[in-house]
Amino acid sequence: MNREEKKPRSMADIARSVSELEDAPTKEEILEAADQAREETVEENISEEKEPEEADAVPSDEPSEEEKTEEEEAPFDPESVPGVRFLIEPKKASTFRFLVRHSMTRVSGWVVLAIGILMIVLPFLPGAANMQKQRVLYVVLGIAMIVLPYVMMYRTAIRQERRLAGKPVQYILNDVELTSVSGDQHGSLKWNQVYRLIETKDSFILYMDKTHAVVWPVEQMGPEAIKELRRIAPQAMEPGRARLMEQK
């Protein structure tokens, strides 16, 4: 077989090869360049991920969830509500008078009273011979129908006084609303939401609706609160809802 003969390399070729080897990067330079390229790639990826978040970020005046929770958990401070203050502690006398007045303003109260009076009177009429034999029974039943409702109302007033003894309710009056505070509980009611306000010689009766009301005895309110109530109610309540006594 014919072997290819290798041509001898000249000194210039050998010098050129040595020069190329000297200029070639070392192993450490190659590793350093690879690390630098990898770091630049990571920084570019992080920058691309952050840009959409910064673009989507829009300043808002709405409070955060944490701020809303702190506001909801903030305790109610009655001193922060402006207005005239007074304390009311239910008494059996004022409560009983209110219950009697309330029952007599309803048709059912008058019906029971009328039936009781008829049962007392009818046995004594000339035409009621059959009833005259049981006159005593009819009289007793008639008296019971008249008296028992008042006994029950008085017992209700006593129970309410005992249940709320030592637990006065604070009321705050101002031109906008009426605020009540009892222990940890509180509530507010706009004046135009009050159903009716009635003034009697010894109390003010504030109706929330047709059946629910609170009684403010005059002796517990004080002159300043009474004066302020008389000023605010006719102006802030619906026309005809405030029934106040004429001042002499």
Foldseek 3Di string as FASTA:
>chain_A
DDDDDDDDDDPVVVVVVVVVVVPDDDPVVVVVVVVVVVVVVVVVVVVVVVVVVVVPDDDDPDDDPVVVVVVVPDADDPVVDDADKFWDQQALVQQLVVVVVLLVVDPVSVVLLVQLVCLQPVLVDPVPVVCVVVNVVSNVVSVCSNVVVSVVSSVVSVVSNVVRPPFIWMWGDDLFWIKIDTPRDIDIDGLQQWQAWADDPFWIWTHNDSPDIDIGGPVRQDPVNVVVCVVRNCPRYDPPRYHYDDDD
